[in-house]
Amino acid sequence: MIPRVLSGWYRSAFVWIEVCLLAASIGVAAVVTSTTPKTDPADLRQEILARMRTTLEQADPTHHGHAGHTAPEAPAGEQAAPKVVCGVHVYGHEPSRAATLADVRTVYGFHLCGVAEQKRHWDGAVKLVGPLIMDMTTQPPGIEVVEATADVRFVDRLREMFPDKYEELALREALPASEMADLRRRYDAAAGL
């Protein structure tokens, strides 16, 4: 007797192999997608703010000093130079569709830093301030501040350095009120006030 050939697609071995391969592919895609870290845009912005602030506070003030301002050195008999305390505002970053901090290559923003000498009030502190561009592809991140020269006005230099979409923000040069309040609180603590 010759066995009867089973009919119908659901009885074909090839169909079942294809179904198994499809299910496995979907499973692998789901695992890869779920393990790829994606950051909420608000969380990413906070990570960028924290990285900017930390970079500026740990950098030698001469790397982000401008307009002839230099940070004071450690007074005679003291070990460490005064702490630099910074407030930052991020205008934007490139690529703008970055999903994680590791994807961010360039940050456009503003900084206001005070050199916290002991018992020196904010109003008398050396300040480092202005729009800046941070290169996140280097370690530590590179800092480039907008500076006027003998031949180029500040506003012209800013327009050369910043993309059009950030120029007007950069011309306003201000920190949000919450960031300014936090900066002043941290400055007073670092200056021992």
N, C-alpha and C. Protein backbone atom coordinates (compact mmCIF):
# COMPACT_ATOMS: atom_id res chain seq x y z
N MET A 1 0.80 -1.16 0.00
CA MET A 1 0.00 0.00 0.00
C MET A 1 0.86 1.25 0.00
N ILE A 2 0.44 2.21 -0.72
CA ILE A 2 1.15 3.48 -0.81
C ILE A 2 0.49 4.44 0.17
N PRO A 3 1.34 5.06 1.03
CA PRO A 3 0.73 5.99 1.98
C PRO A 3 0.14 7.19 1.25
N ARG A 4 -0.93 7.66 1.79
CA ARG A 4 -1.58 8.83 1.18
C ARG A 4 -0.79 10.08 1.49
N VAL A 5 -0.67 10.92 0.50
CA VAL A 5 0.03 12.18 0.67
C VAL A 5 -0.91 13.14 1.40
N LEU A 6 -0.38 13.70 2.49
CA LEU A 6 -1.21 14.61 3.26
C LEU A 6 -1.35 15.91 2.49
N SER A 7 -2.54 16.39 2.40
CA SER A 7 -2.75 17.62 1.66
C SER A 7 -2.97 18.78 2.62
N GLY A 8 -2.83 19.99 2.10
CA GLY A 8 -3.04 21.21 2.90
C GLY A 8 -1.71 21.82 3.32
N TRP A 9 -1.71 23.12 3.38
CA TRP A 9 -0.48 23.85 3.71
C TRP A 9 0.00 23.58 5.12
N TYR A 10 -0.91 23.34 6.04
CA TYR A 10 -0.54 23.15 7.43
C TYR A 10 0.15 21.82 7.66
N ARG A 11 0.17 21.00 6.69
CA ARG A 11 0.82 19.70 6.82
C ARG A 11 2.19 19.67 6.16
N SER A 12 2.59 20.78 5.57
CA SER A 12 3.86 20.84 4.87
C SER A 12 4.99 21.15 5.86
N ALA A 13 6.04 20.39 5.80
CA ALA A 13 7.20 20.60 6.68
C ALA A 13 7.86 21.94 6.40
N PHE A 14 7.88 22.35 5.14
CA PHE A 14 8.50 23.62 4.78
C PHE A 14 7.76 24.80 5.41
N VAL A 15 6.45 24.73 5.45
CA VAL A 15 5.67 25.81 6.05
C VAL A 15 6.00 25.91 7.54
N TRP A 16 6.10 24.80 8.22
CA TRP A 16 6.39 24.81 9.65
C TRP A 16 7.81 25.32 9.92
N ILE A 17 8.73 25.00 9.06
CA ILE A 17 10.09 25.53 9.22
C ILE A 17 10.08 27.04 9.06
N GLU A 18 9.36 27.54 8.06
CA GLU A 18 9.26 28.98 7.85
C GLU A 18 8.59 29.67 9.03
N VAL A 19 7.54 29.07 9.59
CA VAL A 19 6.86 29.64 10.75
C VAL A 19 7.82 29.72 11.93
N CYS A 20 8.60 28.67 12.15
CA CYS A 20 9.56 28.66 13.26
C CYS A 20 10.64 29.73 13.07
N LEU A 21 11.15 29.87 11.85
CA LEU A 21 12.16 30.89 11.57
C LEU A 21 11.60 32.29 11.76
N LEU A 22 10.38 32.53 11.34
CA LEU A 22 9.75 33.82 11.52
C LEU A 22 9.58 34.14 13.00
N ALA A 23 9.11 33.17 13.77
CA ALA A 23 8.93 33.38 15.21
C ALA A 23 10.27 33.67 15.89
N ALA A 24 11.31 32.95 15.49
CA ALA A 24 12.63 33.18 16.06
C ALA A 24 13.14 34.58 15.71
N SER A 25 12.92 35.01 14.48
CA SER A 25 13.36 36.34 14.06
C SER A 25 12.65 37.43 14.85
N ILE A 26 11.36 37.27 15.06
CA ILE A 26 10.59 38.24 15.84
C ILE A 26 11.10 38.27 17.28
N GLY A 27 11.40 37.10 17.84
CA GLY A 27 11.93 37.04 19.20
C GLY A 27 13.27 37.74 19.33
N VAL A 28 14.17 37.52 18.37
CA VAL A 28 15.49 38.17 18.39
C VAL A 28 15.33 39.67 18.25
N ALA A 29 14.47 40.12 17.36
CA ALA A 29 14.24 41.56 17.18
C ALA A 29 13.70 42.18 18.47
N ALA A 30 12.81 41.47 19.14
CA ALA A 30 12.25 42.00 20.39
C ALA A 30 13.33 42.12 21.47
N VAL A 31 14.22 41.14 21.57
CA VAL A 31 15.28 41.18 22.57
C VAL A 31 16.25 42.32 22.26
N VAL A 32 16.66 42.46 21.01
CA VAL A 32 17.59 43.52 20.63
C VAL A 32 16.98 44.88 20.89
N THR A 33 15.73 45.06 20.53
CA THR A 33 15.05 46.34 20.73
C THR A 33 14.92 46.65 22.21
N SER A 34 14.62 45.67 23.03
CA SER A 34 14.42 45.93 24.45
C SER A 34 15.73 46.17 25.19
N THR A 35 16.86 45.69 24.67
CA THR A 35 18.14 45.89 25.34
C THR A 35 18.87 47.13 24.84
N THR A 36 18.40 47.75 23.77
CA THR A 36 19.01 48.98 23.29
C THR A 36 18.51 50.12 24.16
N PRO A 37 19.42 50.78 24.91
CA PRO A 37 18.96 51.83 25.81
C PRO A 37 18.48 53.05 25.04
N LYS A 38 17.30 53.50 25.36
CA LYS A 38 16.76 54.73 24.79
C LYS A 38 16.42 55.64 25.95
N THR A 39 16.75 56.88 25.80
CA THR A 39 16.55 57.84 26.86
C THR A 39 15.39 58.76 26.50
N ASP A 40 14.55 59.02 27.48
CA ASP A 40 13.49 59.99 27.31
C ASP A 40 14.15 61.34 27.02
N PRO A 41 13.61 62.15 26.09
CA PRO A 41 14.24 63.44 25.77
C PRO A 41 14.49 64.33 26.99
N ALA A 42 13.58 64.33 27.95
CA ALA A 42 13.78 65.14 29.16
C ALA A 42 14.94 64.58 29.98
N ASP A 43 15.05 63.25 30.06
CA ASP A 43 16.16 62.63 30.78
C ASP A 43 17.48 62.90 30.07
N LEU A 44 17.47 62.82 28.75
CA LEU A 44 18.68 63.11 27.97
C LEU A 44 19.13 64.54 28.21
N ARG A 45 18.20 65.46 28.22
CA ARG A 45 18.54 66.87 28.46
C ARG A 45 19.19 67.04 29.84
N GLN A 46 18.66 66.35 30.86
CA GLN A 46 19.24 66.42 32.20
C GLN A 46 20.64 65.82 32.23
N GLU A 47 20.85 64.73 31.47
CA GLU A 47 22.17 64.13 31.39
C GLU A 47 23.16 65.08 30.73
N ILE A 48 22.72 65.78 29.69
CA ILE A 48 23.59 66.74 29.00
C ILE A 48 23.92 67.89 29.95
N LEU A 49 22.92 68.42 30.66
CA LEU A 49 23.16 69.49 31.63
C LEU A 49 24.19 69.06 32.68
N ALA A 50 24.02 67.87 33.20
CA ALA A 50 24.94 67.38 34.23
C ALA A 50 26.35 67.22 33.66
N ARG A 51 26.48 66.69 32.45
CA ARG A 51 27.80 66.52 31.84
C ARG A 51 28.45 67.87 31.58
N MET A 52 27.67 68.82 31.07
CA MET A 52 28.20 70.16 30.83
C MET A 52 28.71 70.79 32.12
N ARG A 53 27.87 70.77 33.14
CA ARG A 53 28.21 71.38 34.43
C ARG A 53 29.48 70.73 35.01
N THR A 54 29.51 69.41 35.02
CA THR A 54 30.66 68.69 35.57
C THR A 54 31.93 69.00 34.79
N THR A 55 31.83 69.01 33.47
CA THR A 55 32.99 69.30 32.63
C THR A 55 33.54 70.69 32.92
N LEU A 56 32.66 71.68 32.99
CA LEU A 56 33.09 73.05 33.24
C LEU A 56 33.67 73.23 34.64
N GLU A 57 33.08 72.57 35.62
CA GLU A 57 33.56 72.72 37.00
C GLU A 57 34.89 72.00 37.21
N GLN A 58 35.16 70.96 36.44
CA GLN A 58 36.41 70.22 36.60
C GLN A 58 37.52 70.73 35.70
N ALA A 59 37.16 71.51 34.69
CA ALA A 59 38.16 72.03 33.76
C ALA A 59 38.96 73.15 34.40
N ASP A 60 40.17 73.30 33.94
CA ASP A 60 40.98 74.44 34.34
C ASP A 60 40.25 75.68 33.85
N PRO A 61 40.01 76.66 34.71
CA PRO A 61 39.25 77.86 34.30
C PRO A 61 39.81 78.56 33.07
N THR A 62 41.10 78.40 32.78
CA THR A 62 41.65 79.03 31.58
C THR A 62 41.07 78.42 30.31
N HIS A 63 40.50 77.20 30.41
CA HIS A 63 39.90 76.57 29.23
C HIS A 63 38.55 77.16 28.88
N HIS A 64 37.87 77.79 29.84
CA HIS A 64 36.60 78.42 29.49
C HIS A 64 36.54 79.87 29.98
N GLY A 65 37.68 80.41 30.34
CA GLY A 65 37.75 81.83 30.69
C GLY A 65 37.82 82.64 29.41
N HIS A 66 37.30 83.83 29.47
CA HIS A 66 37.36 84.70 28.30
C HIS A 66 37.24 86.14 28.75
N ALA A 67 37.36 87.04 27.82
CA ALA A 67 37.33 88.49 28.10
C ALA A 67 38.40 88.88 29.10
N GLY A 68 39.52 88.14 29.08
CA GLY A 68 40.64 88.49 29.94
C GLY A 68 40.51 88.04 31.37
N HIS A 69 39.43 87.37 31.74
CA HIS A 69 39.26 86.92 33.11
C HIS A 69 40.08 85.66 33.35
N THR A 70 40.77 85.65 34.45
CA THR A 70 41.48 84.44 34.85
C THR A 70 41.09 84.14 36.28
N ALA A 71 41.04 82.88 36.59
CA ALA A 71 40.67 82.47 37.94
C ALA A 71 41.85 82.65 38.88
N PRO A 72 41.57 83.07 40.10
CA PRO A 72 42.65 83.22 41.07
C PRO A 72 43.28 81.86 41.39
N GLU A 73 44.55 81.89 41.71
CA GLU A 73 45.24 80.67 42.11
C GLU A 73 45.11 80.51 43.62
N ALA A 74 45.56 79.37 44.11
CA ALA A 74 45.48 79.10 45.55
C ALA A 74 46.30 80.13 46.32
N PRO A 75 45.72 80.71 47.37
CA PRO A 75 46.46 81.67 48.19
C PRO A 75 47.68 80.98 48.82
N ALA A 76 48.68 81.76 49.17
CA ALA A 76 49.89 81.22 49.79
C ALA A 76 49.52 80.41 51.02
N GLY A 77 50.09 79.23 51.13
CA GLY A 77 49.83 78.36 52.28
C GLY A 77 48.64 77.44 52.11
N GLU A 78 47.87 77.59 51.06
CA GLU A 78 46.72 76.71 50.83
C GLU A 78 47.06 75.73 49.71
N GLN A 79 46.48 74.55 49.78
CA GLN A 79 46.77 73.48 48.83
C GLN A 79 46.02 73.62 47.50
N ALA A 80 44.74 73.92 47.56
CA ALA A 80 43.90 73.86 46.37
C ALA A 80 43.44 75.25 45.92
N ALA A 81 43.30 75.38 44.62
CA ALA A 81 42.74 76.60 44.06
C ALA A 81 41.26 76.66 44.40
N PRO A 82 40.66 77.84 44.39
CA PRO A 82 39.23 77.94 44.68
C PRO A 82 38.40 77.11 43.71
N LYS A 83 37.30 76.61 44.20
CA LYS A 83 36.41 75.78 43.40
C LYS A 83 35.64 76.65 42.40
N VAL A 84 35.45 76.11 41.20
CA VAL A 84 34.63 76.77 40.19
C VAL A 84 33.25 76.13 40.24
N VAL A 85 32.21 76.96 40.34
CA VAL A 85 30.83 76.48 40.43
C VAL A 85 30.07 77.06 39.24
N CYS A 86 29.41 76.18 38.47
CA CYS A 86 28.79 76.62 37.21
C CYS A 86 27.29 76.33 37.14
N GLY A 87 26.61 77.21 36.45
CA GLY A 87 25.24 77.00 36.03
C GLY A 87 25.25 76.94 34.51
N VAL A 88 24.42 76.09 33.94
CA VAL A 88 24.43 75.93 32.48
C VAL A 88 23.02 75.93 31.92
N HIS A 89 22.93 76.28 30.67
CA HIS A 89 21.67 76.24 29.93
C HIS A 89 21.98 75.63 28.57
N VAL A 90 21.25 74.58 28.20
CA VAL A 90 21.46 73.91 26.91
C VAL A 90 20.48 74.47 25.90
N TYR A 91 21.01 74.96 24.78
CA TYR A 91 20.15 75.41 23.68
C TYR A 91 19.74 74.23 22.83
N GLY A 92 20.65 73.32 22.59
CA GLY A 92 20.37 72.15 21.77
C GLY A 92 21.63 71.34 21.57
N HIS A 93 21.47 70.24 20.84
CA HIS A 93 22.61 69.36 20.60
C HIS A 93 22.49 68.75 19.21
N GLU A 94 23.63 68.24 18.75
CA GLU A 94 23.68 67.56 17.46
C GLU A 94 24.26 66.17 17.67
N PRO A 95 23.76 65.16 17.05
CA PRO A 95 22.54 65.18 16.25
C PRO A 95 21.32 65.38 17.14
N SER A 96 20.36 66.10 16.61
CA SER A 96 19.18 66.45 17.39
C SER A 96 18.32 65.23 17.72
N ARG A 97 18.47 64.16 16.96
CA ARG A 97 17.68 62.94 17.21
C ARG A 97 18.44 61.91 18.04
N ALA A 98 19.50 62.34 18.69
CA ALA A 98 20.28 61.42 19.53
C ALA A 98 19.38 60.81 20.59
N ALA A 99 19.54 59.50 20.81
CA ALA A 99 18.71 58.80 21.78
C ALA A 99 19.39 58.64 23.13
N THR A 100 20.72 58.68 23.15
CA THR A 100 21.46 58.53 24.40
C THR A 100 22.57 59.59 24.45
N LEU A 101 23.12 59.79 25.63
CA LEU A 101 24.20 60.75 25.80
C LEU A 101 25.41 60.36 24.94
N ALA A 102 25.65 59.07 24.79
CA ALA A 102 26.77 58.61 23.97
C ALA A 102 26.61 58.99 22.50
N ASP A 103 25.38 59.21 22.05
CA ASP A 103 25.12 59.59 20.66
C ASP A 103 25.35 61.08 20.41
N VAL A 104 25.35 61.89 21.46
CA VAL A 104 25.48 63.34 21.32
C VAL A 104 26.92 63.69 20.97
N ARG A 105 27.10 64.46 19.91
CA ARG A 105 28.43 64.84 19.45
C ARG A 105 28.78 66.29 19.81
N THR A 106 27.81 67.19 19.73
CA THR A 106 28.05 68.60 19.99
C THR A 106 26.90 69.17 20.81
N VAL A 107 27.23 70.01 21.78
CA VAL A 107 26.22 70.67 22.60
C VAL A 107 26.41 72.18 22.46
N TYR A 108 25.31 72.89 22.26
CA TYR A 108 25.31 74.35 22.18
C TYR A 108 24.62 74.86 23.43
N GLY A 109 25.25 75.79 24.12
CA GLY A 109 24.63 76.27 25.34
C GLY A 109 25.27 77.53 25.88
N PHE A 110 24.98 77.78 27.15
CA PHE A 110 25.42 78.98 27.85
C PHE A 110 25.95 78.56 29.21
N HIS A 111 26.97 79.23 29.71
CA HIS A 111 27.47 78.93 31.05
C HIS A 111 27.71 80.22 31.82
N LEU A 112 27.51 80.11 33.12
CA LEU A 112 27.83 81.17 34.06
C LEU A 112 28.50 80.48 35.23
N CYS A 113 29.79 80.75 35.40
CA CYS A 113 30.56 80.11 36.47
C CYS A 113 31.12 81.18 37.39
N GLY A 114 31.16 80.87 38.66
CA GLY A 114 31.77 81.75 39.65
C GLY A 114 32.92 81.02 40.32
N VAL A 115 34.02 81.73 40.54
CA VAL A 115 35.17 81.16 41.24
C VAL A 115 34.94 81.42 42.73
N ALA A 116 34.71 80.35 43.47
CA ALA A 116 34.28 80.44 44.87
C ALA A 116 35.46 80.55 45.83
N GLU A 117 36.02 81.75 45.93
CA GLU A 117 37.06 81.99 46.93
C GLU A 117 36.39 82.05 48.30
N GLN A 118 37.07 81.57 49.33
CA GLN A 118 36.50 81.52 50.66
C GLN A 118 36.06 82.90 51.14
N LYS A 119 34.83 82.95 51.60
CA LYS A 119 34.18 84.13 52.18
C LYS A 119 33.99 85.28 51.19
N ARG A 120 34.15 85.02 49.90
CA ARG A 120 33.92 86.06 48.91
C ARG A 120 32.49 85.90 48.39
N HIS A 121 31.71 86.97 48.50
CA HIS A 121 30.32 86.94 48.06
C HIS A 121 30.23 86.89 46.54
N TRP A 122 29.11 86.41 46.06
CA TRP A 122 28.86 86.25 44.63
C TRP A 122 29.15 87.53 43.84
N ASP A 123 28.70 88.65 44.35
CA ASP A 123 28.86 89.90 43.61
C ASP A 123 30.32 90.27 43.37
N GLY A 124 31.23 89.81 44.23
CA GLY A 124 32.64 90.13 44.07
C GLY A 124 33.46 89.01 43.45
N ALA A 125 32.80 87.92 43.09
CA ALA A 125 33.51 86.75 42.54
C ALA A 125 33.92 86.96 41.10
N VAL A 126 35.04 86.33 40.73
CA VAL A 126 35.43 86.27 39.32
C VAL A 126 34.41 85.38 38.63
N LYS A 127 33.90 85.86 37.49
CA LYS A 127 32.88 85.11 36.75
C LYS A 127 33.40 84.75 35.36
N LEU A 128 33.03 83.58 34.91
CA LEU A 128 33.33 83.09 33.57
C LEU A 128 31.96 82.87 32.94
N VAL A 129 31.66 83.57 31.85
CA VAL A 129 30.28 83.58 31.37
C VAL A 129 30.22 83.72 29.86
N GLY A 130 29.21 83.10 29.27
CA GLY A 130 28.95 83.30 27.85
C GLY A 130 28.49 82.04 27.14
N PRO A 131 28.09 82.20 25.88
CA PRO A 131 27.69 81.06 25.07
C PRO A 131 28.91 80.16 24.80
N LEU A 132 28.66 78.88 24.67
CA LEU A 132 29.76 77.95 24.39
C LEU A 132 29.28 76.78 23.55
N ILE A 133 30.26 76.12 22.98
CA ILE A 133 30.02 74.89 22.22
C ILE A 133 30.89 73.83 22.86
N MET A 134 30.29 72.68 23.17
CA MET A 134 31.03 71.60 23.80
C MET A 134 31.11 70.42 22.84
N ASP A 135 32.33 69.99 22.58
CA ASP A 135 32.59 68.84 21.71
C ASP A 135 32.58 67.59 22.57
N MET A 136 31.54 66.78 22.44
CA MET A 136 31.38 65.60 23.28
C MET A 136 32.12 64.38 22.74
N THR A 137 32.81 64.52 21.61
CA THR A 137 33.52 63.39 21.02
C THR A 137 34.91 63.21 21.60
N THR A 138 35.36 64.16 22.41
CA THR A 138 36.69 64.05 23.02
C THR A 138 36.55 63.76 24.51
N GLN A 139 37.63 63.30 25.11
CA GLN A 139 37.62 63.02 26.54
C GLN A 139 38.77 63.76 27.18
N PRO A 140 38.57 64.74 28.02
CA PRO A 140 37.28 65.30 28.40
C PRO A 140 36.69 66.10 27.24
N PRO A 141 35.40 66.40 27.33
CA PRO A 141 34.77 67.18 26.25
C PRO A 141 35.49 68.51 26.03
N GLY A 142 35.60 68.89 24.76
CA GLY A 142 36.23 70.16 24.40
C GLY A 142 35.29 71.32 24.64
N ILE A 143 35.84 72.45 25.05
CA ILE A 143 35.05 73.64 25.36
C ILE A 143 35.52 74.77 24.46
N GLU A 144 34.58 75.36 23.73
CA GLU A 144 34.90 76.51 22.88
C GLU A 144 33.93 77.63 23.21
N VAL A 145 34.46 78.73 23.73
CA VAL A 145 33.62 79.87 24.09
C VAL A 145 33.63 80.89 22.96
N VAL A 146 32.59 81.69 22.92
CA VAL A 146 32.48 82.75 21.93
C VAL A 146 33.27 83.95 22.44
N GLU A 147 34.24 84.40 21.66
CA GLU A 147 35.04 85.55 22.05
C GLU A 147 35.16 86.52 20.88
N ALA A 148 35.12 87.77 21.21
CA ALA A 148 35.38 88.81 20.21
C ALA A 148 36.90 88.90 20.03
N THR A 149 37.31 89.39 18.89
CA THR A 149 38.73 89.65 18.65
C THR A 149 38.86 91.11 18.23
N ALA A 150 40.08 91.50 17.96
CA ALA A 150 40.31 92.88 17.50
C ALA A 150 39.61 93.13 16.18
N ASP A 151 39.44 92.09 15.38
CA ASP A 151 38.85 92.23 14.05
C ASP A 151 37.41 91.77 13.93
N VAL A 152 36.93 90.95 14.89
CA VAL A 152 35.59 90.37 14.79
C VAL A 152 34.80 90.70 16.05
N ARG A 153 33.63 91.31 15.86
CA ARG A 153 32.76 91.62 17.00
C ARG A 153 32.19 90.34 17.60
N PHE A 154 31.81 90.41 18.89
CA PHE A 154 31.24 89.25 19.59
C PHE A 154 30.05 88.67 18.83
N VAL A 155 29.11 89.52 18.44
CA VAL A 155 27.90 89.04 17.78
C VAL A 155 28.22 88.37 16.44
N ASP A 156 29.21 88.88 15.73
CA ASP A 156 29.59 88.27 14.46
C ASP A 156 30.26 86.91 14.68
N ARG A 157 31.09 86.84 15.72
CA ARG A 157 31.74 85.57 16.03
C ARG A 157 30.69 84.54 16.46
N LEU A 158 29.71 84.98 17.25
CA LEU A 158 28.65 84.07 17.68
C LEU A 158 27.91 83.52 16.47
N ARG A 159 27.60 84.38 15.52
CA ARG A 159 26.88 83.94 14.32
C ARG A 159 27.73 83.00 13.45
N GLU A 160 29.05 83.14 13.51
CA GLU A 160 29.93 82.23 12.79
C GLU A 160 29.92 80.84 13.43
N MET A 161 29.88 80.79 14.75
CA MET A 161 30.03 79.54 15.48
C MET A 161 28.74 78.75 15.66
N PHE A 162 27.62 79.45 15.86
CA PHE A 162 26.37 78.78 16.22
C PHE A 162 25.47 78.58 15.00
N PRO A 163 24.76 77.45 14.95
CA PRO A 163 23.75 77.27 13.91
C PRO A 163 22.66 78.34 14.05
N ASP A 164 22.04 78.69 12.95
CA ASP A 164 21.01 79.74 12.93
C ASP A 164 19.94 79.53 14.01
N LYS A 165 19.52 78.28 14.21
CA LYS A 165 18.42 78.02 15.14
C LYS A 165 18.77 78.33 16.59
N TYR A 166 20.07 78.47 16.93
CA TYR A 166 20.46 78.77 18.30
C TYR A 166 20.99 80.19 18.50
N GLU A 167 21.14 80.95 17.43
CA GLU A 167 21.74 82.28 17.53
C GLU A 167 20.97 83.22 18.47
N GLU A 168 19.65 83.32 18.29
CA GLU A 168 18.87 84.24 19.13
C GLU A 168 18.91 83.84 20.60
N LEU A 169 18.86 82.53 20.87
CA LEU A 169 18.97 82.07 22.25
C LEU A 169 20.32 82.47 22.83
N ALA A 170 21.37 82.30 22.05
CA ALA A 170 22.72 82.61 22.52
C ALA A 170 22.92 84.10 22.76
N LEU A 171 22.21 84.93 22.03
CA LEU A 171 22.34 86.38 22.21
C LEU A 171 21.68 86.86 23.50
N ARG A 172 20.74 86.09 24.05
CA ARG A 172 20.06 86.49 25.29
C ARG A 172 20.91 86.26 26.53
N GLU A 173 21.80 85.29 26.49
CA GLU A 173 22.72 85.01 27.59
C GLU A 173 22.06 85.00 28.96
N ALA A 174 21.26 84.02 29.23
CA ALA A 174 20.64 83.95 30.55
C ALA A 174 20.46 82.50 30.99
N LEU A 175 20.46 82.31 32.30
CA LEU A 175 20.14 81.01 32.88
C LEU A 175 18.69 81.02 33.30
N PRO A 176 18.02 79.88 33.24
CA PRO A 176 16.67 79.81 33.80
C PRO A 176 16.73 80.12 35.31
N ALA A 177 15.67 80.64 35.85
CA ALA A 177 15.63 81.05 37.26
C ALA A 177 15.99 79.90 38.20
N SER A 178 15.51 78.69 37.91
CA SER A 178 15.81 77.56 38.79
C SER A 178 17.30 77.22 38.76
N GLU A 179 17.92 77.30 37.58
CA GLU A 179 19.35 77.01 37.47
C GLU A 179 20.17 78.09 38.18
N MET A 180 19.74 79.35 38.07
CA MET A 180 20.44 80.45 38.74
C MET A 180 20.36 80.30 40.26
N ALA A 181 19.19 79.94 40.76
CA ALA A 181 19.03 79.74 42.20
C ALA A 181 19.92 78.60 42.69
N ASP A 182 19.98 77.51 41.93
CA ASP A 182 20.83 76.38 42.29
C ASP A 182 22.31 76.79 42.26
N LEU A 183 22.70 77.56 41.24
CA LEU A 183 24.08 78.03 41.13
C LEU A 183 24.46 78.86 42.35
N ARG A 184 23.61 79.79 42.72
CA ARG A 184 23.91 80.66 43.87
C ARG A 184 23.99 79.85 45.16
N ARG A 185 23.12 78.87 45.35
CA ARG A 185 23.15 78.03 46.54
C ARG A 185 24.46 77.25 46.60
N ARG A 186 24.85 76.64 45.47
CA ARG A 186 26.09 75.86 45.43
C ARG A 186 27.32 76.75 45.57
N TYR A 187 27.27 77.97 45.01
CA TYR A 187 28.39 78.90 45.15
C TYR A 187 28.58 79.28 46.62
N ASP A 188 27.48 79.66 47.27
CA ASP A 188 27.57 80.07 48.69
C ASP A 188 28.15 78.94 49.54
N ALA A 189 27.76 77.71 49.26
CA ALA A 189 28.29 76.56 50.02
C ALA A 189 29.78 76.38 49.76
N ALA A 190 30.20 76.50 48.49
CA ALA A 190 31.62 76.34 48.15
C ALA A 190 32.47 77.47 48.71
N ALA A 191 31.89 78.67 48.82
CA ALA A 191 32.64 79.83 49.35
C ALA A 191 32.58 79.91 50.87
N GLY A 192 31.87 78.98 51.48
CA GLY A 192 31.79 78.96 52.95
C GLY A 192 30.94 80.07 53.52
N LEU A 193 29.92 80.47 52.79
CA LEU A 193 29.04 81.56 53.26
C LEU A 193 27.77 81.00 53.91
